[in-house]
Structures are given as C-alpha cells and as structure tokens.
Amino acid sequence: MLASELKMLQSYKIDAEILYEDYKAEFASDMSEIKSLLVKDKKERSDDSSSEDHNDVLTIDPNSSDQRWKKTETGWQPEDDLDDNSDSQKKPAPDWAKKLYKRIALASHPDRTLDQDNKGRLNKIFTESASAMDTGDFNKLVGFALDLDIDLLAADIDHIPVLSSRISKVKEELSAIEQNLEWIWGESLGVLDLRKKIAHRYFAQNGYDLNTDDLESIIQKLEGK
C-alpha cells in the first residue's frame, strides 16, 4: 500500500513539476503584459536593501517583516529552512541507493530513451536522481524507481520507513509547488477574482502601484489568447 501511494504521488509530482514550468512561463508573460498596461511608477522604498527587490525573495506575510521565502526548484520555502540545510555535508551513498540509481539511470538516460511521448518525464527523472545522489537525498530514488516500475526487492533496504518518509516528503514538495503564485495563477484560469488578487499581490510585493480600473478586462483578454 505504501509503495502504491508513493508511486501515485511521485507520478503526480513529476507531472506537476513539468506543468509548473509552463505555468511559470505563462505567469511571467502575463505579468509583463499587465505591467506594461496597468502599472504606475514604482513606489519609493523605505529601506535600501537590494534583496527586497529580488524577484526570487519575497516577504509573504505583510504583518511579519522577518517572514521571508525563497524560490527553489520545488517552489517557495522559508529561508530559515534553507539555512538549516546550508551546512549539510555530502553523505556517502548506501549500497541500496547505488543499486537503485544504476537501474534508474539505465532506464531513463537520454541516450537510451526511445519513448518520445515520455521523454520529458524520463529526462527529469534522470536529472533529479543524479541530483539526489549528489545531495545525499537517497530516499528520492525510491519514488523514481517505483515510477519506472523498478522492483524494490532487489535493493537491500528497509522499505517501510523509507517509503513512509518519502511519502511525507513528496506531499510537502507538492504543497510547496501548489502554494506559489505561478501555480495558483495557472490553475485559476477563468477565476477572475482570484487572478485579480494574485496580480495585486505580485506587484505589491515587487514595489509597484497597480492601476486596477481595467484589470479585469485585461485578464480576460489574456485568457482569450
């Protein structure tokens, strides 16, 4: 049951990450067009911190000046969490991880991929499994193996705690993806009230005054492209 749940979650996460790339491109294009049409001059800042204007670092809660989030490959994460992991050293790979990685690499290597329909997914698995080996996040390999229908019994691993840990982690990673502005924008197609709020938040966070008079019609125009 744990293996089936992780396989389902892992498959959805890979699809979500691929879709997220499309959403990011759409979001950037739409915000650029809205900015060119509706944004007034940039507001004066009360401080000189260049990091406040960096598009990859935002303060989400307007009532908490020190609650800052940073964009990562899996979405937005609190900077405190990132700092906790900054000093971690590379861990040696256990034998089970080496065995799984070899089989994953053989099944997903770009030079060996003949399945053109799933090439994007396979390339992502290949890249991320190599990253997992490099960072020491070996439990990721279990999810990739299940997604590729690789038998875990061949690996000398205590399955239950690894599967349980990875299920929890994938849920966290999915939540991180689904909470960022690009994802919500992409998923809210046709929901004008929500998209208006997202546009307001985005431009406010980046220090711009948004002229809202024609915002709804502009968003409808963007959706009709």
C-alpha atoms as a PDB file:
ATOM      1  CA  MET A   1       0.000   0.000   0.000  1.00  0.00           C
ATOM      2  CA  LEU A   2       2.823   2.393   0.825  1.00  0.00           C
ATOM      3  CA  ALA A   3       4.556   1.630  -2.465  1.00  0.00           C
ATOM      4  CA  SER A   4       1.319   2.226  -4.408  1.00  0.00           C
ATOM      5  CA  GLU A   5       0.703   5.517  -2.629  1.00  0.00           C
ATOM      6  CA  LEU A   6       4.247   6.725  -3.244  1.00  0.00           C
ATOM      7  CA  LYS A   7       4.113   5.687  -6.893  1.00  0.00           C
ATOM      8  CA  MET A   8       0.906   7.678  -7.368  1.00  0.00           C
ATOM      9  CA  LEU A   9       2.298  10.733  -5.561  1.00  0.00           C
ATOM     10  CA  GLN A  10       5.642  10.541  -7.368  1.00  0.00           C
ATOM     11  CA  SER A  11       3.950  10.354 -10.759  1.00  0.00           C
ATOM     12  CA  TYR A  12       1.727  13.322  -9.953  1.00  0.00           C
ATOM     13  CA  LYS A  13       4.693  15.319  -8.650  1.00  0.00           C
ATOM     14  CA  ILE A  14       6.675  14.812 -11.847  1.00  0.00           C
ATOM     15  CA  ASP A  15       3.670  15.862 -13.938  1.00  0.00           C
ATOM     16  CA  ALA A  16       3.110  18.852 -11.644  1.00  0.00           C
ATOM     17  CA  GLU A  17       6.745  19.966 -11.962  1.00  0.00           C
ATOM     18  CA  ILE A  18       6.576  19.783 -15.761  1.00  0.00           C
ATOM     19  CA  LEU A  19       3.282  21.707 -15.776  1.00  0.00           C
ATOM     20  CA  TYR A  20       4.751  24.206 -13.328  1.00  0.00           C
ATOM     21  CA  GLU A  21       7.411  25.143 -15.881  1.00  0.00           C
ATOM     22  CA  ASP A  22       4.627  26.037 -18.323  1.00  0.00           C
ATOM     23  CA  TYR A  23       2.808  27.985 -15.629  1.00  0.00           C
ATOM     24  CA  LYS A  24       5.963  29.962 -14.816  1.00  0.00           C
ATOM     25  CA  ALA A  25       6.363  30.995 -18.455  1.00  0.00           C
ATOM     26  CA  GLU A  26       2.687  31.919 -18.683  1.00  0.00           C
ATOM     27  CA  PHE A  27       2.831  33.882 -15.428  1.00  0.00           C
ATOM     28  CA  ALA A  28       5.924  35.835 -16.479  1.00  0.00           C
ATOM     29  CA  SER A  29       4.355  36.706 -19.826  1.00  0.00           C
ATOM     30  CA  ASP A  30       1.031  37.742 -18.310  1.00  0.00           C
ATOM     31  CA  MET A  31       2.604  39.844 -15.544  1.00  0.00           C
ATOM     32  CA  SER A  32       4.808  41.561 -18.117  1.00  0.00           C
ATOM     33  CA  GLU A  33       1.792  42.496 -20.214  1.00  0.00           C
ATOM     34  CA  ILE A  34      -0.227  43.663 -17.207  1.00  0.00           C
ATOM     35  CA  LYS A  35       2.744  45.742 -16.074  1.00  0.00           C
ATOM     36  CA  SER A  36       3.067  47.426 -19.455  1.00  0.00           C
ATOM     37  CA  LEU A  37      -0.613  48.388 -19.442  1.00  0.00           C
ATOM     38  CA  LEU A  38      -1.649  48.993 -15.850  1.00  0.00           C
ATOM     39  CA  VAL A  39       1.340  49.587 -13.571  1.00  0.00           C
ATOM     40  CA  LYS A  40       2.104  53.069 -12.318  1.00  0.00           C
ATOM     41  CA  ASP A  41       5.546  54.251 -11.227  1.00  0.00           C
ATOM     42  CA  LYS A  42       7.407  52.111  -8.721  1.00  0.00           C
ATOM     43  CA  LYS A  43       6.801  53.107  -5.112  1.00  0.00           C
ATOM     44  CA  GLU A  44       9.547  54.650  -3.029  1.00  0.00           C
ATOM     45  CA  ARG A  45      11.216  52.151  -0.684  1.00  0.00           C
ATOM     46  CA  SER A  46      11.698  52.882   2.995  1.00  0.00           C
ATOM     47  CA  ASP A  47      14.962  50.897   3.009  1.00  0.00           C
ATOM     48  CA  ASP A  48      17.944  50.322   0.725  1.00  0.00           C
ATOM     49  CA  SER A  49      18.025  46.531   0.864  1.00  0.00           C
ATOM     50  CA  SER A  50      18.567  45.225  -2.651  1.00  0.00           C
ATOM     51  CA  SER A  51      17.360  41.779  -1.584  1.00  0.00           C
ATOM     52  CA  GLU A  52      13.876  43.222  -1.002  1.00  0.00           C
ATOM     53  CA  ASP A  53      13.600  43.860  -4.742  1.00  0.00           C
ATOM     54  CA  HIS A  54      14.931  40.474  -5.815  1.00  0.00           C
ATOM     55  CA  ASN A  55      12.258  38.516  -7.660  1.00  0.00           C
ATOM     56  CA  ASP A  56      13.349  35.254  -6.040  1.00  0.00           C
ATOM     57  CA  VAL A  57      12.977  36.509  -2.456  1.00  0.00           C
ATOM     58  CA  LEU A  58       9.621  37.680  -1.093  1.00  0.00           C
ATOM     59  CA  THR A  59       8.027  38.577   2.218  1.00  0.00           C
ATOM     60  CA  ILE A  60       4.696  36.744   2.096  1.00  0.00           C
ATOM     61  CA  ASP A  61       3.067  37.947   5.311  1.00  0.00           C
ATOM     62  CA  PRO A  62       2.719  41.768   5.297  1.00  0.00           C
ATOM     63  CA  ASN A  63       2.384  41.697   9.092  1.00  0.00           C
ATOM     64  CA  SER A  64       5.691  39.863   9.593  1.00  0.00           C
ATOM     65  CA  SER A  65       8.775  41.683   8.342  1.00  0.00           C
ATOM     66  CA  ASP A  66      11.090  38.752   9.013  1.00  0.00           C
ATOM     67  CA  GLN A  67       8.987  36.019   7.375  1.00  0.00           C
ATOM     68  CA  ARG A  68      10.884  35.665   4.113  1.00  0.00           C
ATOM     69  CA  TRP A  69      10.606  32.960   1.478  1.00  0.00           C
ATOM     70  CA  LYS A  70      12.990  31.997  -1.299  1.00  0.00           C
ATOM     71  CA  LYS A  71      12.160  30.378  -4.638  1.00  0.00           C
ATOM     72  CA  THR A  72      13.664  26.897  -5.091  1.00  0.00           C
ATOM     73  CA  GLU A  73      13.274  24.141  -7.656  1.00  0.00           C
ATOM     74  CA  THR A  74      10.320  22.772  -5.700  1.00  0.00           C
ATOM     75  CA  GLY A  75       8.576  26.092  -5.083  1.00  0.00           C
ATOM     76  CA  TRP A  76       8.746  28.619  -2.228  1.00  0.00           C
ATOM     77  CA  GLN A  77      10.441  27.672   1.030  1.00  0.00           C
ATOM     78  CA  PRO A  78      11.080  29.660   4.228  1.00  0.00           C
ATOM     79  CA  GLU A  79      14.635  30.959   4.264  1.00  0.00           C
ATOM     80  CA  ASP A  80      15.103  29.556   7.776  1.00  0.00           C
ATOM     81  CA  ASP A  81      14.539  26.058   6.412  1.00  0.00           C
ATOM     82  CA  LEU A  82      17.091  26.671   3.676  1.00  0.00           C
ATOM     83  CA  ASP A  83      19.626  27.952   6.189  1.00  0.00           C
ATOM     84  CA  ASP A  84      19.217  24.811   8.274  1.00  0.00           C
ATOM     85  CA  ASN A  85      20.372  22.729   5.306  1.00  0.00           C
ATOM     86  CA  SER A  86      23.132  25.025   4.060  1.00  0.00           C
ATOM     87  CA  ASP A  87      25.900  23.431   6.104  1.00  0.00           C
ATOM     88  CA  SER A  88      24.956  19.834   5.418  1.00  0.00           C
ATOM     89  CA  GLN A  89      27.784  17.708   4.088  1.00  0.00           C
ATOM     90  CA  LYS A  90      27.514  15.193   1.315  1.00  0.00           C
ATOM     91  CA  LYS A  91      26.637  11.762   2.649  1.00  0.00           C
ATOM     92  CA  PRO A  92      28.148   8.551   1.280  1.00  0.00           C
ATOM     93  CA  ALA A  93      25.646   6.574  -0.757  1.00  0.00           C
ATOM     94  CA  PRO A  94      24.498   3.280   0.798  1.00  0.00           C
ATOM     95  CA  ASP A  95      24.645   0.159  -1.365  1.00  0.00           C
ATOM     96  CA  TRP A  96      20.881   0.082  -1.921  1.00  0.00           C
ATOM     97  CA  ALA A  97      20.974   3.648  -3.282  1.00  0.00           C
ATOM     98  CA  LYS A  98      23.827   2.812  -5.646  1.00  0.00           C
ATOM     99  CA  LYS A  99      21.908  -0.221  -6.967  1.00  0.00           C
ATOM    100  CA  LEU A 100      18.692   1.733  -7.484  1.00  0.00           C
ATOM    101  CA  TYR A 101      20.463   4.678  -9.068  1.00  0.00           C
ATOM    102  CA  LYS A 102      22.196   2.429 -11.593  1.00  0.00           C
ATOM    103  CA  ARG A 103      18.896   0.872 -12.638  1.00  0.00           C
ATOM    104  CA  ILE A 104      17.146   4.256 -12.743  1.00  0.00           C
ATOM    105  CA  ALA A 105      19.930   5.730 -14.863  1.00  0.00           C
ATOM    106  CA  LEU A 106      19.784   2.831 -17.302  1.00  0.00           C
ATOM    107  CA  ALA A 107      16.020   3.205 -17.655  1.00  0.00           C
ATOM    108  CA  SER A 108      15.950   6.997 -18.008  1.00  0.00           C
ATOM    109  CA  HIS A 109      19.238   8.048 -19.627  1.00  0.00           C
ATOM    110  CA  PRO A 110      18.566  10.453 -22.543  1.00  0.00           C
ATOM    111  CA  ASP A 111      20.808   8.454 -24.884  1.00  0.00           C
ATOM    112  CA  ARG A 112      18.792   5.306 -24.193  1.00  0.00           C
ATOM    113  CA  THR A 113      15.318   6.847 -24.223  1.00  0.00           C
ATOM    114  CA  LEU A 114      13.225   5.682 -27.159  1.00  0.00           C
ATOM    115  CA  ASP A 115       9.848   6.635 -25.698  1.00  0.00           C
ATOM    116  CA  GLN A 116       9.380  10.094 -27.204  1.00  0.00           C
ATOM    117  CA  ASP A 117       6.000  10.606 -25.527  1.00  0.00           C
ATOM    118  CA  ASN A 118       7.570  10.318 -22.066  1.00  0.00           C
ATOM    119  CA  LYS A 119      10.961  11.792 -22.899  1.00  0.00           C
ATOM    120  CA  GLY A 120      10.390  14.886 -20.759  1.00  0.00           C
ATOM    121  CA  ARG A 121       9.424  12.800 -17.735  1.00  0.00           C
ATOM    122  CA  LEU A 122      12.331  10.392 -18.185  1.00  0.00           C
ATOM    123  CA  ASN A 123      14.860  13.184 -18.604  1.00  0.00           C
ATOM    124  CA  LYS A 124      13.550  14.804 -15.442  1.00  0.00           C
ATOM    125  CA  ILE A 125      13.867  11.532 -13.527  1.00  0.00           C
ATOM    126  CA  PHE A 126      17.412  11.060 -14.811  1.00  0.00           C
ATOM    127  CA  THR A 127      18.456  14.568 -13.814  1.00  0.00           C
ATOM    128  CA  GLU A 128      16.790  14.526 -10.408  1.00  0.00           C
ATOM    129  CA  SER A 129      18.068  11.061  -9.498  1.00  0.00           C
ATOM    130  CA  ALA A 130      21.614  12.224 -10.240  1.00  0.00           C
ATOM    131  CA  SER A 131      20.967  15.284  -8.070  1.00  0.00           C
ATOM    132  CA  ALA A 132      19.659  13.038  -5.273  1.00  0.00           C
ATOM    133  CA  MET A 133      22.883  11.046  -5.330  1.00  0.00           C
ATOM    134  CA  ASP A 134      24.909  14.266  -5.239  1.00  0.00           C
ATOM    135  CA  THR A 135      22.967  15.854  -2.368  1.00  0.00           C
ATOM    136  CA  GLY A 136      22.515  12.676  -0.337  1.00  0.00           C
ATOM    137  CA  ASP A 137      18.711  12.708  -0.549  1.00  0.00           C
ATOM    138  CA  PHE A 138      18.701   8.993  -1.341  1.00  0.00           C
ATOM    139  CA  ASN A 139      15.064   8.351  -0.431  1.00  0.00           C
ATOM    140  CA  LYS A 140      14.092  10.208  -3.613  1.00  0.00           C
ATOM    141  CA  LEU A 141      15.414   7.262  -5.597  1.00  0.00           C
ATOM    142  CA  VAL A 142      12.684   5.007  -4.217  1.00  0.00           C
ATOM    143  CA  GLY A 143       9.973   7.162  -5.764  1.00  0.00           C
ATOM    144  CA  PHE A 144      11.767   7.327  -9.108  1.00  0.00           C
ATOM    145  CA  ALA A 145      12.235   3.553  -9.104  1.00  0.00           C
ATOM    146  CA  LEU A 146       8.540   2.978  -8.490  1.00  0.00           C
ATOM    147  CA  ASP A 147       7.625   5.432 -11.250  1.00  0.00           C
ATOM    148  CA  LEU A 148       9.786   3.392 -13.628  1.00  0.00           C
ATOM    149  CA  ASP A 149       8.316   0.070 -12.367  1.00  0.00           C
ATOM    150  CA  ILE A 150      11.691  -0.994 -10.973  1.00  0.00           C
ATOM    151  CA  ASP A 151      11.381  -3.755  -8.371  1.00  0.00           C
ATOM    152  CA  LEU A 152      12.476  -2.543  -4.939  1.00  0.00           C
ATOM    153  CA  LEU A 153      13.043  -6.081  -3.685  1.00  0.00           C
ATOM    154  CA  ALA A 154      16.378  -6.176  -5.476  1.00  0.00           C
ATOM    155  CA  ALA A 155      17.643  -3.390  -3.223  1.00  0.00           C
ATOM    156  CA  ASP A 156      18.709  -4.218   0.316  1.00  0.00           C
ATOM    157  CA  ILE A 157      16.554  -1.607   2.006  1.00  0.00           C
ATOM    158  CA  ASP A 158      14.179  -1.390   4.953  1.00  0.00           C
ATOM    159  CA  HIS A 159      11.207  -0.423   2.809  1.00  0.00           C
ATOM    160  CA  ILE A 160       8.568   0.729   5.294  1.00  0.00           C
ATOM    161  CA  PRO A 161      10.418   3.648   6.964  1.00  0.00           C
ATOM    162  CA  VAL A 162      11.911   4.777   3.653  1.00  0.00           C
ATOM    163  CA  LEU A 163       8.551   4.667   1.881  1.00  0.00           C
ATOM    164  CA  SER A 164       6.793   6.437   4.740  1.00  0.00           C
ATOM    165  CA  SER A 165       9.460   9.143   4.891  1.00  0.00           C
ATOM    166  CA  ARG A 166       9.378   9.708   1.153  1.00  0.00           C
ATOM    167  CA  ILE A 167       5.561   9.891   1.067  1.00  0.00           C
ATOM    168  CA  SER A 168       5.648  12.670   3.646  1.00  0.00           C
ATOM    169  CA  LYS A 169       8.385  14.493   1.752  1.00  0.00           C
ATOM    170  CA  VAL A 170       6.622  14.293  -1.619  1.00  0.00           C
ATOM    171  CA  LYS A 171       3.456  15.673  -0.043  1.00  0.00           C
ATOM    172  CA  GLU A 172       5.495  18.599   1.311  1.00  0.00           C
ATOM    173  CA  GLU A 173       7.100  19.179  -2.093  1.00  0.00           C
ATOM    174  CA  LEU A 174       3.716  19.110  -3.824  1.00  0.00           C
ATOM    175  CA  SER A 175       2.326  21.547  -1.285  1.00  0.00           C
ATOM    176  CA  ALA A 176       5.269  23.879  -1.929  1.00  0.00           C
ATOM    177  CA  ILE A 177       4.582  23.825  -5.672  1.00  0.00           C
ATOM    178  CA  GLU A 178       0.861  24.392  -5.253  1.00  0.00           C
ATOM    179  CA  GLN A 179       1.326  27.377  -2.920  1.00  0.00           C
ATOM    180  CA  ASN A 180       3.419  29.569  -5.186  1.00  0.00           C
ATOM    181  CA  LEU A 181       1.890  32.384  -7.222  1.00  0.00           C
ATOM    182  CA  GLU A 182       2.754  30.938 -10.648  1.00  0.00           C
ATOM    183  CA  TRP A 183       0.981  27.663  -9.895  1.00  0.00           C
ATOM    184  CA  ILE A 184      -2.114  29.336  -8.453  1.00  0.00           C
ATOM    185  CA  TRP A 185      -2.247  31.650 -11.462  1.00  0.00           C
ATOM    186  CA  GLY A 186      -2.068  28.726 -13.864  1.00  0.00           C
ATOM    187  CA  GLU A 187      -4.711  26.737 -12.001  1.00  0.00           C
ATOM    188  CA  SER A 188      -7.090  29.690 -11.636  1.00  0.00           C
ATOM    189  CA  LEU A 189      -7.880  30.152 -15.320  1.00  0.00           C
ATOM    190  CA  GLY A 190     -11.316  31.748 -15.551  1.00  0.00           C
ATOM    191  CA  VAL A 191     -11.486  32.658 -11.839  1.00  0.00           C
ATOM    192  CA  LEU A 192     -11.228  36.432 -12.227  1.00  0.00           C
ATOM    193  CA  ASP A 193     -11.490  37.410  -8.552  1.00  0.00           C
ATOM    194  CA  LEU A 194      -8.594  35.130  -7.610  1.00  0.00           C
ATOM    195  CA  ARG A 195      -6.451  36.241 -10.533  1.00  0.00           C
ATOM    196  CA  LYS A 196      -7.025  39.881  -9.629  1.00  0.00           C
ATOM    197  CA  LYS A 197      -5.820  39.178  -6.081  1.00  0.00           C
ATOM    198  CA  ILE A 198      -2.732  37.363  -7.397  1.00  0.00           C
ATOM    199  CA  ALA A 199      -1.847  40.287  -9.674  1.00  0.00           C
ATOM    200  CA  HIS A 200      -2.302  42.722  -6.782  1.00  0.00           C
ATOM    201  CA  ARG A 201      -0.044  40.656  -4.518  1.00  0.00           C
ATOM    202  CA  TYR A 202       2.647  40.146  -7.138  1.00  0.00           C
ATOM    203  CA  PHE A 203       3.012  43.820  -7.998  1.00  0.00           C
ATOM    204  CA  ALA A 204       2.707  44.957  -4.381  1.00  0.00           C
ATOM    205  CA  GLN A 205       5.483  42.543  -3.387  1.00  0.00           C
ATOM    206  CA  ASN A 206       7.675  43.954  -6.134  1.00  0.00           C
ATOM    207  CA  GLY A 207       7.032  47.544  -5.102  1.00  0.00           C
ATOM    208  CA  TYR A 208       4.608  48.721  -7.791  1.00  0.00           C
ATOM    209  CA  ASP A 209       1.276  50.528  -7.656  1.00  0.00           C
ATOM    210  CA  LEU A 210      -1.268  48.711  -9.797  1.00  0.00           C
ATOM    211  CA  ASN A 211      -3.903  50.700 -11.650  1.00  0.00           C
ATOM    212  CA  THR A 212      -6.881  48.380 -11.175  1.00  0.00           C
ATOM    213  CA  ASP A 213      -9.509  50.146 -13.265  1.00  0.00           C
ATOM    214  CA  ASP A 214      -9.091  47.895 -16.299  1.00  0.00           C
ATOM    215  CA  LEU A 215      -7.516  44.871 -14.612  1.00  0.00           C
ATOM    216  CA  GLU A 216     -10.465  42.537 -15.089  1.00  0.00           C
ATOM    217  CA  SER A 217     -10.769  43.249 -18.820  1.00  0.00           C
ATOM    218  CA  ILE A 218      -7.000  42.827 -19.272  1.00  0.00           C
ATOM    219  CA  ILE A 219      -7.052  39.431 -17.549  1.00  0.00           C
ATOM    220  CA  GLN A 220      -9.988  38.319 -19.702  1.00  0.00           C
ATOM    221  CA  LYS A 221      -8.059  39.423 -22.784  1.00  0.00           C
ATOM    222  CA  LEU A 222      -5.009  37.428 -21.674  1.00  0.00           C
ATOM    223  CA  GLU A 223      -7.126  34.326 -21.104  1.00  0.00           C
ATOM    224  CA  GLY A 224      -8.655  34.640 -24.567  1.00  0.00           C
ATOM    225  CA  LYS A 225      -5.308  34.429 -26.349  1.00  0.00           C
END
